[in-house]
Amino acid sequence: MDYESFKTIVQLQSLAWSIPVIALCFAVLWEIRKPSNELLWKKDLTKDQKKMLWIFFGFFFGFTGKIIESIWWSIPWTLDYLNHPLWLEFNSYGVFFNIIFRQAFFTASAYCHLRAF
């Protein structure tokens, strides 16, 4: 098997895995919405409740960033698979999505989790 064939297989697998990743990230955000909202507006939180709120913030940043990043990267990878001429242009925009939704959101997520502990 040559490199291009292997790359195509991996691309298709990555695109296919994007769907359950995005769905499960949305599911996590959906599940934490009520308990995080209750803690966010509660007065006089206990120490454990404050920790839990920081964990919820970490989940929010981490999973939201992953959703947006995964949706974005599915576009240039699909264009590349289709040999579309706009692939290179869309791929070059990826750095902007990475700096915001990978580096910044994941850094915020890590900070929130560290604050919790």
N, C-alpha and C. Protein backbone atom coordinates (compact mmCIF):
# COMPACT_ATOMS: atom_id res chain seq x y z
N MET A 1 0.85 -1.18 0.00
CA MET A 1 0.00 0.00 0.00
C MET A 1 0.89 1.24 0.00
N ASP A 2 0.62 2.15 -0.92
CA ASP A 2 1.42 3.36 -1.00
C ASP A 2 0.91 4.43 -0.02
N TYR A 3 1.68 5.49 0.12
CA TYR A 3 1.36 6.54 1.09
C TYR A 3 0.01 7.18 0.82
N GLU A 4 -0.29 7.52 -0.43
CA GLU A 4 -1.55 8.20 -0.76
C GLU A 4 -2.77 7.34 -0.42
N SER A 5 -2.69 6.04 -0.68
CA SER A 5 -3.80 5.14 -0.34
C SER A 5 -3.98 5.08 1.17
N PHE A 6 -2.87 4.97 1.88
CA PHE A 6 -2.93 4.92 3.34
C PHE A 6 -3.49 6.23 3.89
N LYS A 7 -3.04 7.35 3.33
CA LYS A 7 -3.52 8.67 3.77
C LYS A 7 -5.03 8.79 3.55
N THR A 8 -5.52 8.32 2.42
CA THR A 8 -6.95 8.37 2.12
C THR A 8 -7.76 7.56 3.12
N ILE A 9 -7.28 6.39 3.47
CA ILE A 9 -7.97 5.55 4.45
C ILE A 9 -8.02 6.25 5.81
N VAL A 10 -6.90 6.82 6.22
CA VAL A 10 -6.83 7.51 7.50
C VAL A 10 -7.73 8.76 7.49
N GLN A 11 -7.74 9.48 6.37
CA GLN A 11 -8.62 10.64 6.25
C GLN A 11 -10.08 10.25 6.43
N LEU A 12 -10.49 9.21 5.76
CA LEU A 12 -11.88 8.76 5.86
C LEU A 12 -12.21 8.31 7.28
N GLN A 13 -11.28 7.63 7.93
CA GLN A 13 -11.50 7.23 9.32
C GLN A 13 -11.63 8.45 10.22
N SER A 14 -10.77 9.43 10.01
CA SER A 14 -10.82 10.64 10.82
C SER A 14 -12.14 11.38 10.62
N LEU A 15 -12.57 11.49 9.37
CA LEU A 15 -13.85 12.14 9.10
C LEU A 15 -15.00 11.37 9.74
N ALA A 16 -14.96 10.04 9.64
CA ALA A 16 -16.02 9.23 10.24
C ALA A 16 -16.04 9.37 11.75
N TRP A 17 -14.88 9.41 12.38
CA TRP A 17 -14.81 9.55 13.84
C TRP A 17 -15.24 10.94 14.30
N SER A 18 -15.18 11.92 13.42
CA SER A 18 -15.59 13.28 13.80
C SER A 18 -17.06 13.31 14.22
N ILE A 19 -17.88 12.50 13.59
CA ILE A 19 -19.32 12.50 13.89
C ILE A 19 -19.58 12.05 15.34
N PRO A 20 -19.08 10.88 15.77
CA PRO A 20 -19.34 10.52 17.18
C PRO A 20 -18.62 11.44 18.17
N VAL A 21 -17.46 11.96 17.81
CA VAL A 21 -16.76 12.87 18.72
C VAL A 21 -17.61 14.12 18.96
N ILE A 22 -18.11 14.71 17.88
CA ILE A 22 -18.94 15.91 18.00
C ILE A 22 -20.22 15.60 18.77
N ALA A 23 -20.85 14.48 18.44
CA ALA A 23 -22.10 14.11 19.12
C ALA A 23 -21.87 13.89 20.62
N LEU A 24 -20.81 13.19 20.98
CA LEU A 24 -20.54 12.93 22.40
C LEU A 24 -20.13 14.20 23.15
N CYS A 25 -19.41 15.09 22.48
CA CYS A 25 -19.07 16.38 23.11
C CYS A 25 -20.35 17.17 23.40
N PHE A 26 -21.27 17.20 22.43
CA PHE A 26 -22.56 17.86 22.66
C PHE A 26 -23.30 17.19 23.81
N ALA A 27 -23.24 15.87 23.87
CA ALA A 27 -23.94 15.14 24.94
C ALA A 27 -23.38 15.53 26.32
N VAL A 28 -22.06 15.66 26.42
CA VAL A 28 -21.46 16.07 27.70
C VAL A 28 -21.94 17.47 28.07
N LEU A 29 -21.91 18.38 27.11
CA LEU A 29 -22.36 19.75 27.40
C LEU A 29 -23.85 19.78 27.79
N TRP A 30 -24.63 18.95 27.14
CA TRP A 30 -26.06 18.87 27.46
C TRP A 30 -26.26 18.36 28.89
N GLU A 31 -25.50 17.35 29.28
CA GLU A 31 -25.64 16.75 30.61
C GLU A 31 -25.20 17.69 31.74
N ILE A 32 -24.21 18.52 31.47
CA ILE A 32 -23.71 19.40 32.54
C ILE A 32 -24.47 20.73 32.61
N ARG A 33 -25.34 20.99 31.66
CA ARG A 33 -25.98 22.29 31.60
C ARG A 33 -26.78 22.61 32.87
N LYS A 34 -27.58 21.67 33.33
CA LYS A 34 -28.44 21.94 34.49
C LYS A 34 -27.64 22.05 35.79
N PRO A 35 -26.80 21.05 36.14
CA PRO A 35 -26.06 21.19 37.40
C PRO A 35 -25.08 22.37 37.40
N SER A 36 -24.49 22.66 36.25
CA SER A 36 -23.55 23.80 36.23
C SER A 36 -24.31 25.12 36.37
N ASN A 37 -25.46 25.21 35.74
CA ASN A 37 -26.28 26.42 35.85
C ASN A 37 -26.75 26.64 37.28
N GLU A 38 -27.14 25.55 37.95
CA GLU A 38 -27.57 25.66 39.35
C GLU A 38 -26.43 26.17 40.25
N LEU A 39 -25.23 25.63 40.03
CA LEU A 39 -24.09 26.08 40.84
C LEU A 39 -23.68 27.50 40.50
N LEU A 40 -23.76 27.85 39.22
CA LEU A 40 -23.33 29.17 38.78
C LEU A 40 -24.11 30.28 39.47
N TRP A 41 -25.40 30.07 39.69
CA TRP A 41 -26.26 31.11 40.25
C TRP A 41 -26.53 30.94 41.74
N LYS A 42 -25.94 29.92 42.34
CA LYS A 42 -26.14 29.69 43.78
C LYS A 42 -25.22 30.60 44.59
N LYS A 43 -25.76 31.12 45.66
CA LYS A 43 -24.96 31.96 46.56
C LYS A 43 -24.33 31.07 47.64
N ASP A 44 -23.21 31.50 48.17
CA ASP A 44 -22.54 30.81 49.27
C ASP A 44 -22.23 29.35 48.96
N LEU A 45 -21.42 29.15 47.94
CA LEU A 45 -21.02 27.80 47.56
C LEU A 45 -20.06 27.21 48.59
N THR A 46 -20.17 25.93 48.82
CA THR A 46 -19.20 25.25 49.66
C THR A 46 -17.91 25.09 48.86
N LYS A 47 -16.86 24.68 49.54
CA LYS A 47 -15.57 24.47 48.87
C LYS A 47 -15.70 23.41 47.76
N ASP A 48 -16.40 22.33 48.05
CA ASP A 48 -16.59 21.27 47.05
C ASP A 48 -17.44 21.75 45.88
N GLN A 49 -18.44 22.56 46.14
CA GLN A 49 -19.26 23.09 45.06
C GLN A 49 -18.46 24.03 44.16
N LYS A 50 -17.57 24.82 44.75
CA LYS A 50 -16.70 25.70 43.96
C LYS A 50 -15.78 24.87 43.07
N LYS A 51 -15.25 23.79 43.62
CA LYS A 51 -14.40 22.90 42.82
C LYS A 51 -15.19 22.31 41.66
N MET A 52 -16.41 21.88 41.95
CA MET A 52 -17.24 21.29 40.90
C MET A 52 -17.57 22.31 39.82
N LEU A 53 -17.80 23.55 40.20
CA LEU A 53 -18.08 24.60 39.22
C LEU A 53 -16.87 24.82 38.31
N TRP A 54 -15.66 24.80 38.88
CA TRP A 54 -14.46 24.93 38.06
C TRP A 54 -14.33 23.75 37.10
N ILE A 55 -14.69 22.55 37.55
CA ILE A 55 -14.66 21.39 36.67
C ILE A 55 -15.66 21.57 35.53
N PHE A 56 -16.86 22.07 35.85
CA PHE A 56 -17.85 22.32 34.79
C PHE A 56 -17.34 23.36 33.79
N PHE A 57 -16.68 24.42 34.28
CA PHE A 57 -16.09 25.40 33.37
C PHE A 57 -15.05 24.73 32.46
N GLY A 58 -14.24 23.87 33.05
CA GLY A 58 -13.25 23.14 32.26
C GLY A 58 -13.89 22.28 31.20
N PHE A 59 -14.96 21.58 31.57
CA PHE A 59 -15.69 20.78 30.58
C PHE A 59 -16.22 21.68 29.45
N PHE A 60 -16.79 22.82 29.84
CA PHE A 60 -17.36 23.72 28.85
C PHE A 60 -16.30 24.15 27.82
N PHE A 61 -15.17 24.65 28.31
CA PHE A 61 -14.13 25.11 27.39
C PHE A 61 -13.55 23.96 26.56
N GLY A 62 -13.25 22.85 27.21
CA GLY A 62 -12.63 21.72 26.51
C GLY A 62 -13.53 21.12 25.44
N PHE A 63 -14.79 20.85 25.79
CA PHE A 63 -15.68 20.20 24.84
C PHE A 63 -16.19 21.16 23.78
N THR A 64 -16.41 22.42 24.13
CA THR A 64 -16.81 23.40 23.12
C THR A 64 -15.68 23.60 22.11
N GLY A 65 -14.46 23.72 22.59
CA GLY A 65 -13.32 23.86 21.69
C GLY A 65 -13.18 22.67 20.77
N LYS A 66 -13.37 21.47 21.30
CA LYS A 66 -13.26 20.26 20.49
C LYS A 66 -14.35 20.18 19.43
N ILE A 67 -15.56 20.59 19.77
CA ILE A 67 -16.65 20.60 18.78
C ILE A 67 -16.30 21.51 17.61
N ILE A 68 -15.92 22.74 17.92
CA ILE A 68 -15.63 23.70 16.86
C ILE A 68 -14.42 23.28 16.05
N GLU A 69 -13.38 22.83 16.71
CA GLU A 69 -12.18 22.37 16.01
C GLU A 69 -12.50 21.18 15.10
N SER A 70 -13.27 20.23 15.58
CA SER A 70 -13.60 19.05 14.77
C SER A 70 -14.46 19.41 13.57
N ILE A 71 -15.42 20.30 13.78
CA ILE A 71 -16.26 20.73 12.65
C ILE A 71 -15.39 21.44 11.62
N TRP A 72 -14.52 22.34 12.10
CA TRP A 72 -13.67 23.07 11.16
C TRP A 72 -12.81 22.12 10.33
N TRP A 73 -12.08 21.24 10.99
CA TRP A 73 -11.12 20.40 10.26
C TRP A 73 -11.80 19.40 9.34
N SER A 74 -13.07 19.11 9.57
CA SER A 74 -13.76 18.22 8.63
C SER A 74 -13.93 18.87 7.26
N ILE A 75 -13.92 20.19 7.22
CA ILE A 75 -14.09 20.90 5.94
C ILE A 75 -12.85 20.73 5.04
N PRO A 76 -11.65 21.16 5.48
CA PRO A 76 -10.50 20.99 4.57
C PRO A 76 -10.16 19.53 4.29
N TRP A 77 -10.38 18.63 5.27
CA TRP A 77 -10.08 17.22 5.02
C TRP A 77 -11.03 16.64 3.98
N THR A 78 -12.28 17.06 4.03
CA THR A 78 -13.23 16.61 3.00
C THR A 78 -12.84 17.18 1.64
N LEU A 79 -12.48 18.45 1.61
CA LEU A 79 -12.04 19.06 0.35
C LEU A 79 -10.81 18.37 -0.21
N ASP A 80 -9.88 18.00 0.67
CA ASP A 80 -8.68 17.29 0.23
C ASP A 80 -9.05 15.92 -0.34
N TYR A 81 -9.93 15.22 0.34
CA TYR A 81 -10.36 13.90 -0.13
C TYR A 81 -11.02 14.02 -1.51
N LEU A 82 -11.77 15.09 -1.73
CA LEU A 82 -12.45 15.30 -3.02
C LEU A 82 -11.55 15.94 -4.07
N ASN A 83 -10.29 16.20 -3.69
CA ASN A 83 -9.35 16.90 -4.59
C ASN A 83 -9.90 18.23 -5.08
N HIS A 84 -10.57 18.92 -4.19
CA HIS A 84 -11.16 20.21 -4.52
C HIS A 84 -10.08 21.29 -4.54
N PRO A 85 -10.14 22.23 -5.48
CA PRO A 85 -9.09 23.26 -5.56
C PRO A 85 -9.05 24.21 -4.37
N LEU A 86 -10.12 24.31 -3.60
CA LEU A 86 -10.12 25.20 -2.44
C LEU A 86 -9.50 24.57 -1.20
N TRP A 87 -9.06 23.31 -1.30
CA TRP A 87 -8.50 22.63 -0.15
C TRP A 87 -7.36 23.42 0.49
N LEU A 88 -6.41 23.86 -0.30
CA LEU A 88 -5.23 24.54 0.24
C LEU A 88 -5.63 25.83 0.96
N GLU A 89 -6.57 26.57 0.39
CA GLU A 89 -7.02 27.80 1.02
C GLU A 89 -7.68 27.52 2.37
N PHE A 90 -8.59 26.55 2.42
CA PHE A 90 -9.26 26.21 3.67
C PHE A 90 -8.27 25.65 4.70
N ASN A 91 -7.34 24.85 4.24
CA ASN A 91 -6.34 24.29 5.15
C ASN A 91 -5.49 25.40 5.77
N SER A 92 -5.19 26.44 5.00
CA SER A 92 -4.36 27.53 5.51
C SER A 92 -5.07 28.34 6.58
N TYR A 93 -6.41 28.33 6.60
CA TYR A 93 -7.16 29.04 7.64
C TYR A 93 -7.13 28.27 8.97
N GLY A 94 -6.75 27.03 8.93
CA GLY A 94 -6.77 26.19 10.12
C GLY A 94 -5.99 26.73 11.29
N VAL A 95 -4.92 27.45 11.02
CA VAL A 95 -4.09 27.99 12.10
C VAL A 95 -4.90 28.94 12.99
N PHE A 96 -5.84 29.67 12.40
CA PHE A 96 -6.66 30.59 13.18
C PHE A 96 -7.64 29.84 14.09
N PHE A 97 -8.21 28.75 13.57
CA PHE A 97 -9.09 27.93 14.39
C PHE A 97 -8.29 27.23 15.48
N ASN A 98 -7.08 26.79 15.16
CA ASN A 98 -6.25 26.09 16.15
C ASN A 98 -5.87 27.00 17.32
N ILE A 99 -5.48 28.23 17.01
CA ILE A 99 -5.02 29.12 18.08
C ILE A 99 -6.16 29.45 19.04
N ILE A 100 -7.38 29.56 18.51
CA ILE A 100 -8.51 29.90 19.37
C ILE A 100 -9.10 28.66 20.03
N PHE A 101 -9.52 27.69 19.21
CA PHE A 101 -10.33 26.60 19.73
C PHE A 101 -9.52 25.39 20.19
N ARG A 102 -8.27 25.30 19.83
CA ARG A 102 -7.43 24.24 20.39
C ARG A 102 -6.57 24.82 21.51
N GLN A 103 -5.67 25.73 21.17
CA GLN A 103 -4.75 26.22 22.19
C GLN A 103 -5.46 27.04 23.27
N ALA A 104 -6.24 28.04 22.90
CA ALA A 104 -6.86 28.91 23.91
C ALA A 104 -7.93 28.18 24.73
N PHE A 105 -8.85 27.49 24.04
CA PHE A 105 -9.92 26.82 24.79
C PHE A 105 -9.38 25.67 25.63
N PHE A 106 -8.43 24.90 25.11
CA PHE A 106 -7.87 23.79 25.89
C PHE A 106 -7.02 24.31 27.04
N THR A 107 -6.34 25.44 26.85
CA THR A 107 -5.59 26.06 27.94
C THR A 107 -6.54 26.53 29.03
N ALA A 108 -7.64 27.17 28.63
CA ALA A 108 -8.65 27.61 29.60
C ALA A 108 -9.23 26.39 30.34
N SER A 109 -9.47 25.32 29.61
CA SER A 109 -9.99 24.10 30.22
C SER A 109 -9.01 23.55 31.26
N ALA A 110 -7.75 23.48 30.89
CA ALA A 110 -6.73 22.98 31.84
C ALA A 110 -6.65 23.89 33.06
N TYR A 111 -6.68 25.20 32.85
CA TYR A 111 -6.63 26.14 33.97
C TYR A 111 -7.81 25.90 34.91
N CYS A 112 -9.01 25.74 34.34
CA CYS A 112 -10.20 25.51 35.17
C CYS A 112 -10.07 24.22 35.98
N HIS A 113 -9.58 23.16 35.35
CA HIS A 113 -9.41 21.90 36.07
C HIS A 113 -8.35 22.04 37.17
N LEU A 114 -7.29 22.75 36.88
CA LEU A 114 -6.27 22.97 37.91
C LEU A 114 -6.83 23.79 39.09
N ARG A 115 -7.65 24.79 38.77
CA ARG A 115 -8.28 25.58 39.84
C ARG A 115 -9.16 24.71 40.71
N ALA A 116 -9.78 23.71 40.10
CA ALA A 116 -10.66 22.81 40.87
C ALA A 116 -9.88 22.01 41.89
N PHE A 117 -8.63 21.73 41.59
CA PHE A 117 -7.83 20.88 42.48
C PHE A 117 -6.72 21.65 43.16
